[in-house]
């Protein structure tokens, strides 16, 4: 839940949108499993099933759990792989 750390892996992410997403949460964890990765040169697509667990900062609201599928577009850079886009169809 650190916008700066997130942008290190996902440079094109909008910092104000990240901050807006992280601010109302006291905790957020995404666990990915069963990822199918396809590569073509310096690009890759990872399609993963996963579980997102989150707890709002407001203690009156219950924690939430969402299961679903996430798609990560990746680009190889000299420093390693970076996320170029994330989609949750």
N, C-alpha and C. Protein backbone atom coordinates (compact mmCIF):
# COMPACT_ATOMS: atom_id res chain seq x y z
N UNK A 1 0.82 -1.19 0.00
CA UNK A 1 0.00 0.00 0.00
C UNK A 1 0.87 1.25 0.00
N UNK A 2 1.96 1.15 -0.72
CA UNK A 2 2.90 2.25 -0.86
C UNK A 2 2.92 2.64 -2.34
N UNK A 3 2.38 3.81 -2.65
CA UNK A 3 2.27 4.23 -4.04
C UNK A 3 3.64 4.29 -4.72
N UNK A 4 4.65 4.74 -4.00
CA UNK A 4 6.00 4.81 -4.57
C UNK A 4 6.56 3.44 -4.89
N UNK A 5 6.38 2.50 -3.98
CA UNK A 5 6.87 1.13 -4.22
C UNK A 5 6.09 0.48 -5.36
N UNK A 6 4.80 0.74 -5.44
CA UNK A 6 3.99 0.20 -6.53
C UNK A 6 4.49 0.72 -7.86
N UNK A 7 4.82 2.01 -7.93
CA UNK A 7 5.28 2.59 -9.18
C UNK A 7 6.66 2.07 -9.59
N UNK A 8 7.42 1.53 -8.65
CA UNK A 8 8.71 0.94 -9.01
C UNK A 8 8.51 -0.28 -9.92
N UNK A 9 7.41 -1.01 -9.72
CA UNK A 9 7.09 -2.18 -10.55
C UNK A 9 6.11 -1.85 -11.66
N UNK A 10 5.36 -0.77 -11.49
CA UNK A 10 4.33 -0.37 -12.45
C UNK A 10 4.50 1.13 -12.72
N UNK A 11 5.54 1.51 -13.48
CA UNK A 11 5.89 2.92 -13.66
C UNK A 11 4.78 3.78 -14.25
N UNK A 12 3.90 3.22 -15.05
CA UNK A 12 2.87 4.04 -15.68
C UNK A 12 1.64 4.23 -14.80
N UNK A 13 1.63 3.63 -13.60
CA UNK A 13 0.48 3.78 -12.70
C UNK A 13 0.35 5.24 -12.26
N UNK A 14 -0.86 5.73 -12.21
CA UNK A 14 -1.14 7.11 -11.82
C UNK A 14 -1.00 7.22 -10.29
N UNK A 15 -0.03 8.02 -9.81
CA UNK A 15 0.20 8.10 -8.37
C UNK A 15 -1.01 8.62 -7.59
N UNK A 16 -1.77 9.53 -8.16
CA UNK A 16 -2.94 10.04 -7.43
C UNK A 16 -4.03 8.97 -7.33
N UNK A 17 -4.20 8.16 -8.37
CA UNK A 17 -5.18 7.08 -8.30
C UNK A 17 -4.74 6.00 -7.31
N UNK A 18 -3.44 5.70 -7.29
CA UNK A 18 -2.93 4.73 -6.31
C UNK A 18 -3.18 5.23 -4.89
N UNK A 19 -2.85 6.49 -4.65
CA UNK A 19 -3.03 7.05 -3.31
C UNK A 19 -4.51 7.02 -2.92
N UNK A 20 -5.38 7.36 -3.88
CA UNK A 20 -6.82 7.34 -3.60
C UNK A 20 -7.32 5.93 -3.28
N UNK A 21 -6.73 4.93 -3.92
CA UNK A 21 -7.12 3.55 -3.67
C UNK A 21 -6.59 3.05 -2.33
N UNK A 22 -5.39 3.48 -1.95
CA UNK A 22 -4.76 2.99 -0.72
C UNK A 22 -5.24 3.71 0.53
N UNK A 23 -5.58 4.99 0.44
CA UNK A 23 -5.91 5.79 1.62
C UNK A 23 -7.05 5.22 2.46
N UNK A 24 -8.17 4.77 1.87
CA UNK A 24 -9.25 4.28 2.72
C UNK A 24 -9.02 2.87 3.30
N UNK A 25 -7.90 2.26 2.97
CA UNK A 25 -7.64 0.89 3.42
C UNK A 25 -6.60 0.86 4.55
N UNK A 26 -6.84 0.03 5.55
CA UNK A 26 -5.82 -0.18 6.57
C UNK A 26 -4.98 -1.40 6.22
N UNK A 27 -5.53 -2.26 5.38
CA UNK A 27 -4.81 -3.47 4.96
C UNK A 27 -5.35 -3.92 3.62
N UNK A 28 -4.44 -4.42 2.78
CA UNK A 28 -4.85 -4.96 1.48
C UNK A 28 -3.81 -5.98 1.06
N UNK A 29 -4.25 -7.19 0.74
CA UNK A 29 -3.34 -8.24 0.31
C UNK A 29 -3.91 -8.96 -0.90
N UNK A 30 -3.08 -9.10 -1.91
CA UNK A 30 -3.47 -9.82 -3.12
C UNK A 30 -2.60 -11.07 -3.21
N UNK A 31 -3.24 -12.21 -3.18
CA UNK A 31 -2.53 -13.48 -3.31
C UNK A 31 -2.89 -14.07 -4.66
N UNK A 32 -1.88 -14.26 -5.50
CA UNK A 32 -2.08 -14.78 -6.85
C UNK A 32 -1.68 -16.24 -6.89
N UNK A 33 -2.42 -17.01 -7.67
CA UNK A 33 -2.13 -18.43 -7.84
C UNK A 33 -2.54 -18.83 -9.24
N UNK A 34 -2.10 -19.96 -9.67
CA UNK A 34 -2.51 -20.50 -10.96
C UNK A 34 -2.32 -19.50 -12.09
N UNK A 35 -1.12 -18.92 -12.19
CA UNK A 35 -0.84 -17.95 -13.24
C UNK A 35 -0.43 -18.67 -14.53
N UNK A 36 -0.99 -18.21 -15.63
CA UNK A 36 -0.63 -18.69 -16.96
C UNK A 36 0.12 -17.55 -17.63
N UNK A 37 1.38 -17.78 -17.98
CA UNK A 37 2.22 -16.71 -18.53
C UNK A 37 2.60 -17.05 -19.96
N UNK A 38 2.35 -16.09 -20.85
CA UNK A 38 2.78 -16.23 -22.24
C UNK A 38 3.76 -15.11 -22.56
N UNK A 39 4.84 -15.47 -23.25
CA UNK A 39 5.87 -14.48 -23.58
C UNK A 39 6.06 -14.38 -25.08
N UNK A 40 6.42 -13.17 -25.53
CA UNK A 40 6.79 -12.93 -26.91
C UNK A 40 7.86 -11.84 -26.88
N UNK A 41 9.10 -12.25 -27.02
CA UNK A 41 10.20 -11.29 -26.96
C UNK A 41 10.31 -10.64 -25.60
N UNK A 42 10.23 -9.31 -25.58
CA UNK A 42 10.35 -8.56 -24.33
C UNK A 42 9.01 -8.23 -23.70
N UNK A 43 7.95 -8.90 -24.15
CA UNK A 43 6.61 -8.66 -23.60
C UNK A 43 6.05 -9.97 -23.08
N UNK A 44 5.18 -9.85 -22.09
CA UNK A 44 4.55 -11.04 -21.53
C UNK A 44 3.15 -10.66 -21.03
N UNK A 45 2.30 -11.66 -20.98
CA UNK A 45 0.97 -11.52 -20.41
C UNK A 45 0.82 -12.60 -19.36
N UNK A 46 0.53 -12.20 -18.13
CA UNK A 46 0.28 -13.15 -17.04
C UNK A 46 -1.19 -13.06 -16.67
N UNK A 47 -1.89 -14.17 -16.76
CA UNK A 47 -3.29 -14.24 -16.37
C UNK A 47 -3.34 -15.11 -15.12
N UNK A 48 -3.79 -14.51 -14.02
CA UNK A 48 -3.71 -15.18 -12.73
C UNK A 48 -5.06 -15.20 -12.02
N UNK A 49 -5.34 -16.30 -11.38
CA UNK A 49 -6.46 -16.37 -10.44
C UNK A 49 -5.92 -15.91 -9.10
N UNK A 50 -6.77 -15.26 -8.31
CA UNK A 50 -6.27 -14.78 -7.03
C UNK A 50 -7.36 -14.39 -6.07
N UNK A 51 -6.91 -14.01 -4.88
CA UNK A 51 -7.80 -13.58 -3.81
C UNK A 51 -7.29 -12.25 -3.27
N UNK A 52 -8.17 -11.26 -3.24
CA UNK A 52 -7.86 -9.95 -2.68
C UNK A 52 -8.57 -9.85 -1.33
N UNK A 53 -7.78 -9.61 -0.28
CA UNK A 53 -8.33 -9.41 1.05
C UNK A 53 -8.03 -7.97 1.45
N UNK A 54 -9.02 -7.29 2.00
CA UNK A 54 -8.82 -5.89 2.36
C UNK A 54 -9.62 -5.55 3.61
N UNK A 55 -9.13 -4.56 4.33
CA UNK A 55 -9.80 -4.07 5.53
C UNK A 55 -9.84 -2.55 5.44
N UNK A 56 -11.05 -1.99 5.43
CA UNK A 56 -11.17 -0.53 5.39
C UNK A 56 -10.60 0.10 6.66
N UNK A 57 -10.12 1.33 6.53
CA UNK A 57 -9.60 2.07 7.68
C UNK A 57 -10.70 2.33 8.69
N UNK A 58 -11.90 2.55 8.21
CA UNK A 58 -13.05 2.78 9.08
C UNK A 58 -13.41 1.46 9.75
N UNK A 59 -13.22 1.36 11.05
CA UNK A 59 -13.43 0.11 11.78
C UNK A 59 -14.84 -0.41 11.75
N UNK A 60 -15.81 0.45 11.41
CA UNK A 60 -17.21 0.01 11.40
C UNK A 60 -17.52 -0.88 10.21
N UNK A 61 -16.68 -0.83 9.18
CA UNK A 61 -16.94 -1.64 7.99
C UNK A 61 -16.18 -2.95 8.09
N UNK A 62 -16.82 -4.01 7.66
CA UNK A 62 -16.21 -5.34 7.73
C UNK A 62 -15.13 -5.51 6.68
N UNK A 63 -14.21 -6.41 6.97
CA UNK A 63 -13.18 -6.76 6.00
C UNK A 63 -13.85 -7.43 4.80
N UNK A 64 -13.19 -7.34 3.65
CA UNK A 64 -13.75 -7.92 2.44
C UNK A 64 -12.80 -8.91 1.80
N UNK A 65 -13.38 -9.81 1.03
CA UNK A 65 -12.62 -10.80 0.27
C UNK A 65 -13.22 -10.86 -1.12
N UNK A 66 -12.38 -10.74 -2.13
CA UNK A 66 -12.82 -10.86 -3.52
C UNK A 66 -11.93 -11.87 -4.22
N UNK A 67 -12.55 -12.82 -4.88
CA UNK A 67 -11.81 -13.78 -5.69
C UNK A 67 -12.05 -13.42 -7.15
N UNK A 68 -11.02 -13.61 -7.96
CA UNK A 68 -11.21 -13.27 -9.35
C UNK A 68 -9.97 -13.55 -10.18
N UNK A 69 -9.94 -12.89 -11.32
CA UNK A 69 -8.86 -13.06 -12.29
C UNK A 69 -8.23 -11.71 -12.56
N UNK A 70 -6.92 -11.68 -12.61
CA UNK A 70 -6.17 -10.48 -12.91
C UNK A 70 -5.29 -10.76 -14.11
N UNK A 71 -5.17 -9.75 -15.00
CA UNK A 71 -4.30 -9.86 -16.16
C UNK A 71 -3.23 -8.78 -16.06
N UNK A 72 -1.97 -9.19 -16.17
CA UNK A 72 -0.85 -8.26 -16.08
C UNK A 72 -0.10 -8.26 -17.40
N UNK A 73 -0.03 -7.09 -18.05
CA UNK A 73 0.83 -6.91 -19.22
C UNK A 73 2.20 -6.51 -18.69
N UNK A 74 3.23 -7.17 -19.16
CA UNK A 74 4.59 -6.95 -18.66
C UNK A 74 5.54 -6.62 -19.80
N UNK A 75 6.55 -5.83 -19.49
CA UNK A 75 7.59 -5.45 -20.44
C UNK A 75 8.93 -5.66 -19.76
N UNK A 76 9.84 -6.33 -20.48
CA UNK A 76 11.20 -6.50 -19.93
C UNK A 76 11.97 -5.21 -20.10
N UNK A 77 12.67 -4.80 -19.05
CA UNK A 77 13.53 -3.62 -19.10
C UNK A 77 14.93 -4.06 -18.67
N UNK A 78 15.91 -3.20 -18.79
CA UNK A 78 17.26 -3.58 -18.35
C UNK A 78 17.32 -3.96 -16.87
N UNK A 79 16.39 -3.43 -16.07
CA UNK A 79 16.37 -3.71 -14.63
C UNK A 79 15.47 -4.88 -14.26
N UNK A 80 14.81 -5.50 -15.23
CA UNK A 80 13.90 -6.61 -14.94
C UNK A 80 12.53 -6.34 -15.55
N UNK A 81 11.56 -7.14 -15.17
CA UNK A 81 10.21 -7.02 -15.71
C UNK A 81 9.45 -5.93 -14.99
N UNK A 82 8.66 -5.17 -15.74
CA UNK A 82 7.81 -4.10 -15.21
C UNK A 82 6.39 -4.29 -15.72
N UNK A 83 5.44 -3.95 -14.90
CA UNK A 83 4.02 -4.00 -15.26
C UNK A 83 3.71 -2.80 -16.14
N UNK A 84 3.07 -3.03 -17.28
CA UNK A 84 2.64 -1.90 -18.12
C UNK A 84 1.13 -1.66 -18.02
N UNK A 85 0.38 -2.69 -17.64
CA UNK A 85 -1.06 -2.53 -17.47
C UNK A 85 -1.59 -3.68 -16.62
N UNK A 86 -2.68 -3.40 -15.91
CA UNK A 86 -3.37 -4.41 -15.10
C UNK A 86 -4.84 -4.33 -15.46
N UNK A 87 -5.44 -5.48 -15.66
CA UNK A 87 -6.87 -5.51 -15.97
C UNK A 87 -7.51 -6.57 -15.09
N UNK A 88 -8.71 -6.27 -14.65
CA UNK A 88 -9.48 -7.23 -13.86
C UNK A 88 -10.82 -7.42 -14.57
N UNK A 89 -10.83 -8.31 -15.59
CA UNK A 89 -12.07 -8.49 -16.36
C UNK A 89 -13.21 -9.04 -15.53
